[in-house]
């Protein structure tokens, strides 16, 4: 995995934080943390798009963020995990991994021009 893909994964982790923050923030500190998570998340996604195809990077970002948010709801907020949710998250992750595998990074010359 290249550094650009690592940026997408880290951006997706911060996406999970800000999505949880949107639901649970109730004071200035938690809203500030949510805003910081949004900024970090999108900054990393934008930077990764300089060398990765934007559509693929965004699809991976959203897919990982969605899976992470559902799993966070289950682990942190006692949301019920139904077998169909596991199956659908699995399908989603297979698609995300597939997109990553078939996507090439732009060369340095292509990224500059």
C-alpha atoms as a PDB file:
ATOM      1  CA  UNK A   1       0.000   0.000   0.000  1.00  0.00           C
ATOM      2  CA  UNK A   2       1.414   3.349  -1.000  1.00  0.00           C
ATOM      3  CA  UNK A   3       1.459   6.498   1.073  1.00  0.00           C
ATOM      4  CA  UNK A   4      -1.379   7.975  -1.022  1.00  0.00           C
ATOM      5  CA  UNK A   5      -3.650   5.048  -0.141  1.00  0.00           C
ATOM      6  CA  UNK A   6      -2.630   5.355   3.502  1.00  0.00           C
ATOM      7  CA  UNK A   7      -3.840   8.967   3.345  1.00  0.00           C
ATOM      8  CA  UNK A   8      -7.225   7.727   2.087  1.00  0.00           C
ATOM      9  CA  UNK A   9      -7.465   5.191   4.930  1.00  0.00           C
ATOM     10  CA  UNK A  10      -6.547   7.801   7.560  1.00  0.00           C
ATOM     11  CA  UNK A  11      -9.042  10.215   5.984  1.00  0.00           C
ATOM     12  CA  UNK A  12     -11.728   7.524   6.311  1.00  0.00           C
ATOM     13  CA  UNK A  13     -10.874   7.051   9.998  1.00  0.00           C
ATOM     14  CA  UNK A  14     -11.353  10.768  10.555  1.00  0.00           C
ATOM     15  CA  UNK A  15     -14.594  10.526   8.589  1.00  0.00           C
ATOM     16  CA  UNK A  16     -15.869   8.057  11.177  1.00  0.00           C
ATOM     17  CA  UNK A  17     -14.941  10.525  13.938  1.00  0.00           C
ATOM     18  CA  UNK A  18     -16.757  13.451  12.347  1.00  0.00           C
ATOM     19  CA  UNK A  19     -19.842  11.418  11.471  1.00  0.00           C
ATOM     20  CA  UNK A  20     -20.072  10.277  15.097  1.00  0.00           C
ATOM     21  CA  UNK A  21     -19.475  13.888  16.140  1.00  0.00           C
ATOM     22  CA  UNK A  22     -22.360  15.111  13.995  1.00  0.00           C
ATOM     23  CA  UNK A  23     -24.688  12.830  15.923  1.00  0.00           C
ATOM     24  CA  UNK A  24     -23.267  13.129  19.430  1.00  0.00           C
ATOM     25  CA  UNK A  25     -21.627  16.573  19.713  1.00  0.00           C
ATOM     26  CA  UNK A  26     -23.394  18.633  22.352  1.00  0.00           C
ATOM     27  CA  UNK A  27     -20.942  21.309  23.478  1.00  0.00           C
ATOM     28  CA  UNK A  28     -18.294  23.588  22.034  1.00  0.00           C
ATOM     29  CA  UNK A  29     -15.451  21.132  22.618  1.00  0.00           C
ATOM     30  CA  UNK A  30     -17.109  18.215  20.832  1.00  0.00           C
ATOM     31  CA  UNK A  31     -18.235  20.463  17.968  1.00  0.00           C
ATOM     32  CA  UNK A  32     -14.690  21.773  17.660  1.00  0.00           C
ATOM     33  CA  UNK A  33     -13.354  18.215  17.582  1.00  0.00           C
ATOM     34  CA  UNK A  34     -15.908  17.346  14.900  1.00  0.00           C
ATOM     35  CA  UNK A  35     -14.858  20.352  12.803  1.00  0.00           C
ATOM     36  CA  UNK A  36     -11.177  19.431  13.132  1.00  0.00           C
ATOM     37  CA  UNK A  37     -11.962  15.857  12.063  1.00  0.00           C
ATOM     38  CA  UNK A  38     -13.794  17.166   8.973  1.00  0.00           C
ATOM     39  CA  UNK A  39     -10.839  19.369   8.040  1.00  0.00           C
ATOM     40  CA  UNK A  40      -8.265  16.595   8.486  1.00  0.00           C
ATOM     41  CA  UNK A  41     -10.442  14.068   6.682  1.00  0.00           C
ATOM     42  CA  UNK A  42     -11.016  16.193   3.594  1.00  0.00           C
ATOM     43  CA  UNK A  43      -7.472  17.576   3.540  1.00  0.00           C
ATOM     44  CA  UNK A  44      -6.048  14.049   3.357  1.00  0.00           C
ATOM     45  CA  UNK A  45      -8.600  13.019   0.737  1.00  0.00           C
ATOM     46  CA  UNK A  46      -7.795  16.082  -1.402  1.00  0.00           C
ATOM     47  CA  UNK A  47      -4.029  15.492  -1.086  1.00  0.00           C
ATOM     48  CA  UNK A  48      -4.403  11.829  -2.075  1.00  0.00           C
ATOM     49  CA  UNK A  49      -6.366  12.944  -5.147  1.00  0.00           C
ATOM     50  CA  UNK A  50      -3.248  14.618  -6.485  1.00  0.00           C
ATOM     51  CA  UNK A  51      -1.826  11.192  -7.327  1.00  0.00           C
ATOM     52  CA  UNK A  52      -4.827   8.865  -7.251  1.00  0.00           C
ATOM     53  CA  UNK A  53      -7.893   8.970  -9.489  1.00  0.00           C
ATOM     54  CA  UNK A  54     -10.316  11.146  -7.538  1.00  0.00           C
ATOM     55  CA  UNK A  55     -13.396   8.998  -8.194  1.00  0.00           C
ATOM     56  CA  UNK A  56     -11.716   5.840  -6.976  1.00  0.00           C
ATOM     57  CA  UNK A  57     -10.135   7.521  -3.956  1.00  0.00           C
ATOM     58  CA  UNK A  58     -13.509   9.011  -3.007  1.00  0.00           C
ATOM     59  CA  UNK A  59     -15.293   5.667  -3.410  1.00  0.00           C
ATOM     60  CA  UNK A  60     -12.723   3.963  -1.176  1.00  0.00           C
ATOM     61  CA  UNK A  61     -12.956   6.820   1.342  1.00  0.00           C
ATOM     62  CA  UNK A  62     -16.750   6.626   1.533  1.00  0.00           C
ATOM     63  CA  UNK A  63     -16.809   2.824   1.609  1.00  0.00           C
ATOM     64  CA  UNK A  64     -14.312   2.585   4.458  1.00  0.00           C
ATOM     65  CA  UNK A  65     -16.018   5.444   6.297  1.00  0.00           C
ATOM     66  CA  UNK A  66     -19.409   3.766   5.964  1.00  0.00           C
ATOM     67  CA  UNK A  67     -18.114   0.421   7.213  1.00  0.00           C
ATOM     68  CA  UNK A  68     -16.266   2.133  10.066  1.00  0.00           C
ATOM     69  CA  UNK A  69     -19.322   4.150  11.075  1.00  0.00           C
ATOM     70  CA  UNK A  70     -21.577   1.092  11.170  1.00  0.00           C
ATOM     71  CA  UNK A  71     -19.026  -0.873  13.187  1.00  0.00           C
ATOM     72  CA  UNK A  72     -18.509   2.086  15.548  1.00  0.00           C
ATOM     73  CA  UNK A  73     -22.253   2.264  16.131  1.00  0.00           C
ATOM     74  CA  UNK A  74     -22.229  -1.415  17.069  1.00  0.00           C
ATOM     75  CA  UNK A  75     -19.121  -1.299  19.259  1.00  0.00           C
ATOM     76  CA  UNK A  76     -19.573   2.086  20.930  1.00  0.00           C
ATOM     77  CA  UNK A  77     -23.284   2.842  20.915  1.00  0.00           C
ATOM     78  CA  UNK A  78     -24.865  -0.609  21.285  1.00  0.00           C
ATOM     79  CA  UNK A  79     -26.503  -0.583  17.866  1.00  0.00           C
ATOM     80  CA  UNK A  80     -27.752  -4.059  17.016  1.00  0.00           C
ATOM     81  CA  UNK A  81     -25.660  -5.854  14.399  1.00  0.00           C
ATOM     82  CA  UNK A  82     -27.796  -7.990  12.156  1.00  0.00           C
ATOM     83  CA  UNK A  83     -26.307 -10.678   9.889  1.00  0.00           C
ATOM     84  CA  UNK A  84     -27.471  -8.801   6.787  1.00  0.00           C
ATOM     85  CA  UNK A  85     -25.442  -5.758   7.897  1.00  0.00           C
ATOM     86  CA  UNK A  86     -22.316  -7.897   8.149  1.00  0.00           C
ATOM     87  CA  UNK A  87     -22.935  -9.360   4.707  1.00  0.00           C
ATOM     88  CA  UNK A  88     -23.499  -5.937   3.150  1.00  0.00           C
ATOM     89  CA  UNK A  89     -20.419  -4.445   4.851  1.00  0.00           C
ATOM     90  CA  UNK A  90     -18.429  -7.409   3.534  1.00  0.00           C
ATOM     91  CA  UNK A  91     -19.689  -6.772  -0.003  1.00  0.00           C
ATOM     92  CA  UNK A  92     -18.859  -3.087   0.365  1.00  0.00           C
ATOM     93  CA  UNK A  93     -15.320  -3.846   1.533  1.00  0.00           C
ATOM     94  CA  UNK A  94     -14.776  -6.333  -1.311  1.00  0.00           C
ATOM     95  CA  UNK A  95     -15.732  -3.561  -3.741  1.00  0.00           C
ATOM     96  CA  UNK A  96     -13.430  -1.067  -2.019  1.00  0.00           C
ATOM     97  CA  UNK A  97     -10.500  -3.489  -2.073  1.00  0.00           C
ATOM     98  CA  UNK A  98     -11.233  -4.322  -5.713  1.00  0.00           C
ATOM     99  CA  UNK A  99     -11.220  -0.640  -6.700  1.00  0.00           C
ATOM    100  CA  UNK A 100      -7.934  -0.125  -4.904  1.00  0.00           C
ATOM    101  CA  UNK A 101      -6.364  -3.143  -6.607  1.00  0.00           C
ATOM    102  CA  UNK A 102      -7.288  -2.062 -10.140  1.00  0.00           C
ATOM    103  CA  UNK A 103      -6.299   1.591  -9.716  1.00  0.00           C
ATOM    104  CA  UNK A 104      -2.890   2.904 -10.666  1.00  0.00           C
ATOM    105  CA  UNK A 105      -1.299   5.979  -9.158  1.00  0.00           C
ATOM    106  CA  UNK A 106      -0.315   8.837 -11.450  1.00  0.00           C
ATOM    107  CA  UNK A 107       3.389   9.269 -12.019  1.00  0.00           C
ATOM    108  CA  UNK A 108       5.079  12.378 -10.673  1.00  0.00           C
ATOM    109  CA  UNK A 109       5.202  13.887 -14.165  1.00  0.00           C
ATOM    110  CA  UNK A 110       1.456  13.265 -14.658  1.00  0.00           C
ATOM    111  CA  UNK A 111       0.597  14.771 -11.285  1.00  0.00           C
ATOM    112  CA  UNK A 112       2.443  18.005 -12.057  1.00  0.00           C
ATOM    113  CA  UNK A 113       1.022  18.607 -15.532  1.00  0.00           C
END
